[in-house]
Amino acid sequence: MLVLTRKVGEKINIDDNIVIKIVEISRGKIRIGIDAPENITILRHEIYKKVQKENVDASKADRDSIAMAADLFKAIKKKR
């Protein structure tokens, strides 16, 4: 991990297309501005983790649904 010290108004460049600017430091909080192309997704870490968990949960539900559907088809086939 790279750790940098910056003052208000100073910037950090990531690659050629992302700029992070320190906007304000007040009461123990830092406000930052991020300038990036529209195709770059920027999420707070806690939101990113929540989205990941929801994606995993959704994929499990899909597998469960497919397994249930397969069981139903097998049951129908046996009845014929």
PDB file of N, CA and C in Angstrom:
ATOM      1  N   MET A   1       0.845  -1.177   0.000  1.00  0.00           N
ATOM      2  CA  MET A   1       0.000   0.000   0.000  1.00  0.00           C
ATOM      3  C   MET A   1       0.891   1.242   0.000  1.00  0.00           C
ATOM      4  N   LEU A   2       0.547   2.166  -0.836  1.00  0.00           N
ATOM      5  CA  LEU A   2       1.242   3.446  -0.883  1.00  0.00           C
ATOM      6  C   LEU A   2       0.536   4.412   0.059  1.00  0.00           C
ATOM      7  N   VAL A   3       1.254   5.036   0.953  1.00  0.00           N
ATOM      8  CA  VAL A   3       0.687   6.017   1.885  1.00  0.00           C
ATOM      9  C   VAL A   3       1.318   7.366   1.573  1.00  0.00           C
ATOM     10  N   LEU A   4       0.463   8.360   1.327  1.00  0.00           N
ATOM     11  CA  LEU A   4       0.933   9.702   0.986  1.00  0.00           C
ATOM     12  C   LEU A   4       0.366  10.725   1.951  1.00  0.00           C
ATOM     13  N   THR A   5       1.086  11.814   2.113  1.00  0.00           N
ATOM     14  CA  THR A   5       0.594  12.952   2.881  1.00  0.00           C
ATOM     15  C   THR A   5       0.292  14.061   1.875  1.00  0.00           C
ATOM     16  N   ARG A   6      -0.900  14.622   1.966  1.00  0.00           N
ATOM     17  CA  ARG A   6      -1.312  15.680   1.056  1.00  0.00           C
ATOM     18  C   ARG A   6      -1.960  16.807   1.848  1.00  0.00           C
ATOM     19  N   LYS A   7      -1.904  18.003   1.319  1.00  0.00           N
ATOM     20  CA  LYS A   7      -2.562  19.166   1.910  1.00  0.00           C
ATOM     21  C   LYS A   7      -3.782  19.508   1.062  1.00  0.00           C
ATOM     22  N   VAL A   8      -4.663  20.335   1.623  1.00  0.00           N
ATOM     23  CA  VAL A   8      -5.845  20.770   0.877  1.00  0.00           C
ATOM     24  C   VAL A   8      -5.407  21.388  -0.447  1.00  0.00           C
ATOM     25  N   GLY A   9      -6.069  20.991  -1.506  1.00  0.00           N
ATOM     26  CA  GLY A   9      -5.769  21.502  -2.847  1.00  0.00           C
ATOM     27  C   GLY A   9      -4.766  20.653  -3.610  1.00  0.00           C
ATOM     28  N   GLU A  10      -4.016  19.814  -2.918  1.00  0.00           N
ATOM     29  CA  GLU A  10      -3.045  18.964  -3.603  1.00  0.00           C
ATOM     30  C   GLU A  10      -3.750  17.760  -4.219  1.00  0.00           C
ATOM     31  N   LYS A  11      -3.095  17.186  -5.234  1.00  0.00           N
ATOM     32  CA  LYS A  11      -3.716  16.108  -6.021  1.00  0.00           C
ATOM     33  C   LYS A  11      -2.808  14.886  -6.090  1.00  0.00           C
ATOM     34  N   ILE A  12      -3.434  13.787  -6.442  1.00  0.00           N
ATOM     35  CA  ILE A  12      -2.732  12.533  -6.694  1.00  0.00           C
ATOM     36  C   ILE A  12      -3.229  12.024  -8.038  1.00  0.00           C
ATOM     37  N   ASN A  13      -2.324  11.645  -8.906  1.00  0.00           N
ATOM     38  CA  ASN A  13      -2.712  11.083 -10.199  1.00  0.00           C
ATOM     39  C   ASN A  13      -2.575   9.567 -10.160  1.00  0.00           C
ATOM     40  N   ILE A  14      -3.570   8.885 -10.708  1.00  0.00           N
ATOM     41  CA  ILE A  14      -3.518   7.438 -10.883  1.00  0.00           C
ATOM     42  C   ILE A  14      -3.640   7.192 -12.379  1.00  0.00           C
ATOM     43  N   ASP A  15      -2.601   6.614 -12.930  1.00  0.00           N
ATOM     44  CA  ASP A  15      -2.531   6.410 -14.378  1.00  0.00           C
ATOM     45  C   ASP A  15      -2.649   7.775 -15.058  1.00  0.00           C
ATOM     46  N   ASP A  16      -3.147   7.800 -16.276  1.00  0.00           N
ATOM     47  CA  ASP A  16      -3.260   9.066 -16.999  1.00  0.00           C
ATOM     48  C   ASP A  16      -4.655   9.661 -16.924  1.00  0.00           C
ATOM     49  N   ASN A  17      -5.603   8.922 -16.296  1.00  0.00           N
ATOM     50  CA  ASN A  17      -6.985   9.380 -16.404  1.00  0.00           C
ATOM     51  C   ASN A  17      -7.737   9.507 -15.078  1.00  0.00           C
ATOM     52  N   ILE A  18      -7.060   9.361 -13.939  1.00  0.00           N
ATOM     53  CA  ILE A  18      -7.729   9.508 -12.647  1.00  0.00           C
ATOM     54  C   ILE A  18      -6.941  10.489 -11.784  1.00  0.00           C
ATOM     55  N   VAL A  19      -7.653  11.476 -11.245  1.00  0.00           N
ATOM     56  CA  VAL A  19      -7.031  12.467 -10.373  1.00  0.00           C
ATOM     57  C   VAL A  19      -7.831  12.522  -9.074  1.00  0.00           C
ATOM     58  N   ILE A  20      -7.130  12.424  -7.959  1.00  0.00           N
ATOM     59  CA  ILE A  20      -7.747  12.543  -6.645  1.00  0.00           C
ATOM     60  C   ILE A  20      -7.261  13.852  -6.035  1.00  0.00           C
ATOM     61  N   LYS A  21      -8.211  14.673  -5.586  1.00  0.00           N
ATOM     62  CA  LYS A  21      -7.864  15.978  -5.034  1.00  0.00           C
ATOM     63  C   LYS A  21      -8.374  16.071  -3.593  1.00  0.00           C
ATOM     64  N   ILE A  22      -7.523  16.561  -2.698  1.00  0.00           N
ATOM     65  CA  ILE A  22      -7.935  16.804  -1.325  1.00  0.00           C
ATOM     66  C   ILE A  22      -8.710  18.119  -1.323  1.00  0.00           C
ATOM     67  N   VAL A  23      -9.991  18.038  -1.004  1.00  0.00           N
ATOM     68  CA  VAL A  23     -10.872  19.194  -1.086  1.00  0.00           C
ATOM     69  C   VAL A  23     -10.938  19.939   0.246  1.00  0.00           C
ATOM     70  N   GLU A  24     -11.041  19.175   1.348  1.00  0.00           N
ATOM     71  CA  GLU A  24     -11.210  19.832   2.646  1.00  0.00           C
ATOM     72  C   GLU A  24     -10.778  18.873   3.755  1.00  0.00           C
ATOM     73  N   ILE A  25     -10.207  19.426   4.794  1.00  0.00           N
ATOM     74  CA  ILE A  25      -9.887  18.667   5.998  1.00  0.00           C
ATOM     75  C   ILE A  25     -10.518  19.428   7.148  1.00  0.00           C
ATOM     76  N   SER A  26     -11.446  18.777   7.849  1.00  0.00           N
ATOM     77  CA  SER A  26     -12.167  19.465   8.922  1.00  0.00           C
ATOM     78  C   SER A  26     -12.687  18.457   9.934  1.00  0.00           C
ATOM     79  N   ARG A  27     -12.466  18.727  11.207  1.00  0.00           N
ATOM     80  CA  ARG A  27     -12.994  17.908  12.308  1.00  0.00           C
ATOM     81  C   ARG A  27     -12.674  16.428  12.142  1.00  0.00           C
ATOM     82  N   GLY A  28     -11.455  16.134  11.768  1.00  0.00           N
ATOM     83  CA  GLY A  28     -11.027  14.744  11.653  1.00  0.00           C
ATOM     84  C   GLY A  28     -11.520  14.025  10.420  1.00  0.00           C
ATOM     85  N   LYS A  29     -12.122  14.742   9.488  1.00  0.00           N
ATOM     86  CA  LYS A  29     -12.607  14.135   8.250  1.00  0.00           C
ATOM     87  C   LYS A  29     -11.924  14.795   7.065  1.00  0.00           C
ATOM     88  N   ILE A  30     -11.729  13.999   6.038  1.00  0.00           N
ATOM     89  CA  ILE A  30     -11.114  14.490   4.811  1.00  0.00           C
ATOM     90  C   ILE A  30     -12.122  14.347   3.682  1.00  0.00           C
ATOM     91  N   ARG A  31     -12.357  15.409   2.950  1.00  0.00           N
ATOM     92  CA  ARG A  31     -13.211  15.345   1.762  1.00  0.00           C
ATOM     93  C   ARG A  31     -12.287  15.272   0.563  1.00  0.00           C
ATOM     94  N   ILE A  32     -12.550  14.302  -0.294  1.00  0.00           N
ATOM     95  CA  ILE A  32     -11.740  14.157  -1.503  1.00  0.00           C
ATOM     96  C   ILE A  32     -12.633  14.239  -2.725  1.00  0.00           C
ATOM     97  N   GLY A  33     -12.061  14.711  -3.799  1.00  0.00           N
ATOM     98  CA  GLY A  33     -12.731  14.735  -5.091  1.00  0.00           C
ATOM     99  C   GLY A  33     -12.009  13.779  -6.013  1.00  0.00           C
ATOM    100  N   ILE A  34     -12.778  13.042  -6.790  1.00  0.00           N
ATOM    101  CA  ILE A  34     -12.186  12.073  -7.712  1.00  0.00           C
ATOM    102  C   ILE A  34     -12.647  12.411  -9.119  1.00  0.00           C
ATOM    103  N   ASP A  35     -11.696  12.644  -9.980  1.00  0.00           N
ATOM    104  CA  ASP A  35     -11.958  12.928 -11.383  1.00  0.00           C
ATOM    105  C   ASP A  35     -11.546  11.698 -12.174  1.00  0.00           C
ATOM    106  N   ALA A  36     -12.527  10.999 -12.760  1.00  0.00           N
ATOM    107  CA  ALA A  36     -12.236   9.765 -13.489  1.00  0.00           C
ATOM    108  C   ALA A  36     -13.207   9.632 -14.662  1.00  0.00           C
ATOM    109  N   PRO A  37     -12.839   8.854 -15.664  1.00  0.00           N
ATOM    110  CA  PRO A  37     -13.754   8.625 -16.789  1.00  0.00           C
ATOM    111  C   PRO A  37     -15.064   7.990 -16.308  1.00  0.00           C
ATOM    112  N   GLU A  38     -16.132   8.213 -17.066  1.00  0.00           N
ATOM    113  CA  GLU A  38     -17.446   7.696 -16.684  1.00  0.00           C
ATOM    114  C   GLU A  38     -17.485   6.174 -16.629  1.00  0.00           C
ATOM    115  N   ASN A  39     -16.628   5.513 -17.369  1.00  0.00           N
ATOM    116  CA  ASN A  39     -16.661   4.048 -17.399  1.00  0.00           C
ATOM    117  C   ASN A  39     -15.961   3.420 -16.189  1.00  0.00           C
ATOM    118  N   ILE A  40     -15.380   4.241 -15.324  1.00  0.00           N
ATOM    119  CA  ILE A  40     -14.729   3.759 -14.104  1.00  0.00           C
ATOM    120  C   ILE A  40     -15.741   3.805 -12.965  1.00  0.00           C
ATOM    121  N   THR A  41     -15.968   2.671 -12.312  1.00  0.00           N
ATOM    122  CA  THR A  41     -16.869   2.612 -11.166  1.00  0.00           C
ATOM    123  C   THR A  41     -16.100   3.009  -9.912  1.00  0.00           C
ATOM    124  N   ILE A  42     -16.661   3.943  -9.168  1.00  0.00           N
ATOM    125  CA  ILE A  42     -16.044   4.391  -7.921  1.00  0.00           C
ATOM    126  C   ILE A  42     -17.063   4.187  -6.808  1.00  0.00           C
ATOM    127  N   LEU A  43     -16.717   3.366  -5.827  1.00  0.00           N
ATOM    128  CA  LEU A  43     -17.610   3.068  -4.712  1.00  0.00           C
ATOM    129  C   LEU A  43     -16.861   3.209  -3.398  1.00  0.00           C
ATOM    130  N   ARG A  44     -17.562   3.653  -2.354  1.00  0.00           N
ATOM    131  CA  ARG A  44     -16.988   3.576  -1.019  1.00  0.00           C
ATOM    132  C   ARG A  44     -16.792   2.101  -0.698  1.00  0.00           C
ATOM    133  N   HIS A  45     -15.770   1.796   0.102  1.00  0.00           N
ATOM    134  CA  HIS A  45     -15.412   0.404   0.369  1.00  0.00           C
ATOM    135  C   HIS A  45     -16.587  -0.393   0.946  1.00  0.00           C
ATOM    136  N   GLU A  46     -17.329   0.197   1.888  1.00  0.00           N
ATOM    137  CA  GLU A  46     -18.429  -0.543   2.503  1.00  0.00           C
ATOM    138  C   GLU A  46     -19.529  -0.867   1.492  1.00  0.00           C
ATOM    139  N   ILE A  47     -19.745   0.018   0.531  1.00  0.00           N
ATOM    140  CA  ILE A  47     -20.727  -0.243  -0.529  1.00  0.00           C
ATOM    141  C   ILE A  47     -20.198  -1.330  -1.465  1.00  0.00           C
ATOM    142  N   TYR A  48     -18.926  -1.246  -1.804  1.00  0.00           N
ATOM    143  CA  TYR A  48     -18.293  -2.255  -2.664  1.00  0.00           C
ATOM    144  C   TYR A  48     -18.440  -3.647  -2.050  1.00  0.00           C
ATOM    145  N   LYS A  49     -18.160  -3.771  -0.738  1.00  0.00           N
ATOM    146  CA  LYS A  49     -18.265  -5.065  -0.067  1.00  0.00           C
ATOM    147  C   LYS A  49     -19.719  -5.561  -0.075  1.00  0.00           C
ATOM    148  N   LYS A  50     -20.673  -4.657   0.125  1.00  0.00           N
ATOM    149  CA  LYS A  50     -22.088  -5.036   0.120  1.00  0.00           C
ATOM    150  C   LYS A  50     -22.506  -5.535  -1.264  1.00  0.00           C
ATOM    151  N   VAL A  51     -22.072  -4.850  -2.306  1.00  0.00           N
ATOM    152  CA  VAL A  51     -22.397  -5.268  -3.674  1.00  0.00           C
ATOM    153  C   VAL A  51     -21.807  -6.653  -3.954  1.00  0.00           C
ATOM    154  N   GLN A  52     -20.557  -6.871  -3.523  1.00  0.00           N
ATOM    155  CA  GLN A  52     -19.935  -8.187  -3.713  1.00  0.00           C
ATOM    156  C   GLN A  52     -20.750  -9.276  -3.024  1.00  0.00           C
ATOM    157  N   LYS A  53     -21.157  -9.035  -1.775  1.00  0.00           N
ATOM    158  CA  LYS A  53     -21.931 -10.028  -1.030  1.00  0.00           C
ATOM    159  C   LYS A  53     -23.265 -10.306  -1.720  1.00  0.00           C
ATOM    160  N   GLU A  54     -23.937  -9.254  -2.173  1.00  0.00           N
ATOM    161  CA  GLU A  54     -25.213  -9.429  -2.861  1.00  0.00           C
ATOM    162  C   GLU A  54     -25.041 -10.221  -4.153  1.00  0.00           C
ATOM    163  N   ASN A  55     -23.938  -9.985  -4.861  1.00  0.00           N
ATOM    164  CA  ASN A  55     -23.673 -10.750  -6.083  1.00  0.00           C
ATOM    165  C   ASN A  55     -23.461 -12.227  -5.776  1.00  0.00           C
ATOM    166  N   VAL A  56     -22.717 -12.511  -4.723  1.00  0.00           N
ATOM    167  CA  VAL A  56     -22.490 -13.907  -4.326  1.00  0.00           C
ATOM    168  C   VAL A  56     -23.812 -14.545  -3.920  1.00  0.00           C
ATOM    169  N   ASP A  57     -24.602 -13.833  -3.106  1.00  0.00           N
ATOM    170  CA  ASP A  57     -25.899 -14.367  -2.675  1.00  0.00           C
ATOM    171  C   ASP A  57     -26.812 -14.619  -3.877  1.00  0.00           C
ATOM    172  N   ALA A  58     -26.816 -13.691  -4.830  1.00  0.00           N
ATOM    173  CA  ALA A  58     -27.657 -13.851  -6.018  1.00  0.00           C
ATOM    174  C   ALA A  58     -27.218 -15.048  -6.850  1.00  0.00           C
ATOM    175  N   SER A  59     -25.914 -15.265  -6.957  1.00  0.00           N
ATOM    176  CA  SER A  59     -25.441 -16.405  -7.753  1.00  0.00           C
ATOM    177  C   SER A  59     -25.788 -17.715  -7.064  1.00  0.00           C
ATOM    178  N   LYS A  60     -25.782 -17.738  -5.731  1.00  0.00           N
ATOM    179  CA  LYS A  60     -26.183 -18.943  -5.004  1.00  0.00           C
ATOM    180  C   LYS A  60     -27.666 -19.208  -5.215  1.00  0.00           C
ATOM    181  N   ALA A  61     -28.454 -18.172  -5.173  1.00  0.00           N
ATOM    182  CA  ALA A  61     -29.891 -18.338  -5.378  1.00  0.00           C
ATOM    183  C   ALA A  61     -30.154 -18.886  -6.775  1.00  0.00           C
ATOM    184  N   ASP A  62     -29.424 -18.412  -7.760  1.00  0.00           N
ATOM    185  CA  ASP A  62     -29.592 -18.891  -9.131  1.00  0.00           C
ATOM    186  C   ASP A  62     -29.251 -20.376  -9.216  1.00  0.00           C
ATOM    187  N   ARG A  63     -28.163 -20.787  -8.578  1.00  0.00           N
ATOM    188  CA  ARG A  63     -27.785 -22.208  -8.599  1.00  0.00           C
ATOM    189  C   ARG A  63     -28.840 -23.052  -7.909  1.00  0.00           C
ATOM    190  N   ASP A  64     -29.360 -22.559  -6.800  1.00  0.00           N
ATOM    191  CA  ASP A  64     -30.412 -23.284  -6.085  1.00  0.00           C
ATOM    192  C   ASP A  64     -31.661 -23.404  -6.955  1.00  0.00           C
ATOM    193  N   SER A  65     -32.020 -22.329  -7.633  1.00  0.00           N
ATOM    194  CA  SER A  65     -33.195 -22.344  -8.502  1.00  0.00           C
ATOM    195  C   SER A  65     -33.008 -23.326  -9.645  1.00  0.00           C
ATOM    196  N   ILE A  66     -31.824 -23.357 -10.220  1.00  0.00           N
ATOM    197  CA  ILE A  66     -31.550 -24.282 -11.315  1.00  0.00           C
ATOM    198  C   ILE A  66     -31.631 -25.722 -10.821  1.00  0.00           C
ATOM    199  N   ALA A  67     -31.079 -25.972  -9.646  1.00  0.00           N
ATOM    200  CA  ALA A  67     -31.132 -27.327  -9.078  1.00  0.00           C
ATOM    201  C   ALA A  67     -32.575 -27.737  -8.814  1.00  0.00           C
ATOM    202  N   MET A  68     -33.378 -26.813  -8.283  1.00  0.00           N
ATOM    203  CA  MET A  68     -34.794 -27.123  -8.028  1.00  0.00           C
ATOM    204  C   MET A  68     -35.530 -27.400  -9.335  1.00  0.00           C
ATOM    205  N   ALA A  69     -35.247 -26.592 -10.364  1.00  0.00           N
ATOM    206  CA  ALA A  69     -35.893 -26.805 -11.655  1.00  0.00           C
ATOM    207  C   ALA A  69     -35.485 -28.149 -12.244  1.00  0.00           C
ATOM    208  N   ALA A  70     -34.224 -28.503 -12.111  1.00  0.00           N
ATOM    209  CA  ALA A  70     -33.751 -29.801 -12.615  1.00  0.00           C
ATOM    210  C   ALA A  70     -34.467 -30.937 -11.901  1.00  0.00           C
ATOM    211  N   ASP A  71     -34.632 -30.832 -10.594  1.00  0.00           N
ATOM    212  CA  ASP A  71     -35.353 -31.855  -9.833  1.00  0.00           C
ATOM    213  C   ASP A  71     -36.799 -31.967 -10.300  1.00  0.00           C
ATOM    214  N   LEU A  72     -37.438 -30.839 -10.558  1.00  0.00           N
ATOM    215  CA  LEU A  72     -38.819 -30.861 -11.047  1.00  0.00           C
ATOM    216  C   LEU A  72     -38.909 -31.553 -12.406  1.00  0.00           C
ATOM    217  N   PHE A  73     -37.975 -31.242 -13.306  1.00  0.00           N
ATOM    218  CA  PHE A  73     -37.982 -31.886 -14.624  1.00  0.00           C
ATOM    219  C   PHE A  73     -37.776 -33.388 -14.505  1.00  0.00           C
ATOM    220  N   LYS A  74     -36.884 -33.796 -13.595  1.00  0.00           N
ATOM    221  CA  LYS A  74     -36.648 -35.235 -13.378  1.00  0.00           C
ATOM    222  C   LYS A  74     -37.916 -35.901 -12.861  1.00  0.00           C
ATOM    223  N   ALA A  75     -38.610 -35.242 -11.940  1.00  0.00           N
ATOM    224  CA  ALA A  75     -39.831 -35.797 -11.382  1.00  0.00           C
ATOM    225  C   ALA A  75     -40.908 -35.929 -12.456  1.00  0.00           C
ATOM    226  N   ILE A  76     -41.026 -34.920 -13.305  1.00  0.00           N
ATOM    227  CA  ILE A  76     -42.000 -34.972 -14.392  1.00  0.00           C
ATOM    228  C   ILE A  76     -41.662 -36.091 -15.358  1.00  0.00           C
ATOM    229  N   LYS A  77     -40.400 -36.235 -15.673  1.00  0.00           N
ATOM    230  CA  LYS A  77     -39.960 -37.256 -16.606  1.00  0.00           C
ATOM    231  C   LYS A  77     -40.260 -38.659 -16.067  1.00  0.00           C
ATOM    232  N   LYS A  78     -40.066 -38.857 -14.760  1.00  0.00           N
ATOM    233  CA  LYS A  78     -40.338 -40.151 -14.147  1.00  0.00           C
ATOM    234  C   LYS A  78     -41.832 -40.503 -14.188  1.00  0.00           C
ATOM    235  N   LYS A  79     -42.691 -39.496 -14.094  1.00  0.00           N
ATOM    236  CA  LYS A  79     -44.140 -39.726 -14.109  1.00  0.00           C
ATOM    237  C   LYS A  79     -44.623 -40.159 -15.480  1.00  0.00           C
ATOM    238  N   ARG A  80     -43.906 -39.872 -16.528  1.00  0.00           N
ATOM    239  CA  ARG A  80     -44.353 -40.202 -17.880  1.00  0.00           C
ATOM    240  C   ARG A  80     -44.171 -41.623 -18.197  1.00  0.00           C
TER     241      ARG A  80
END
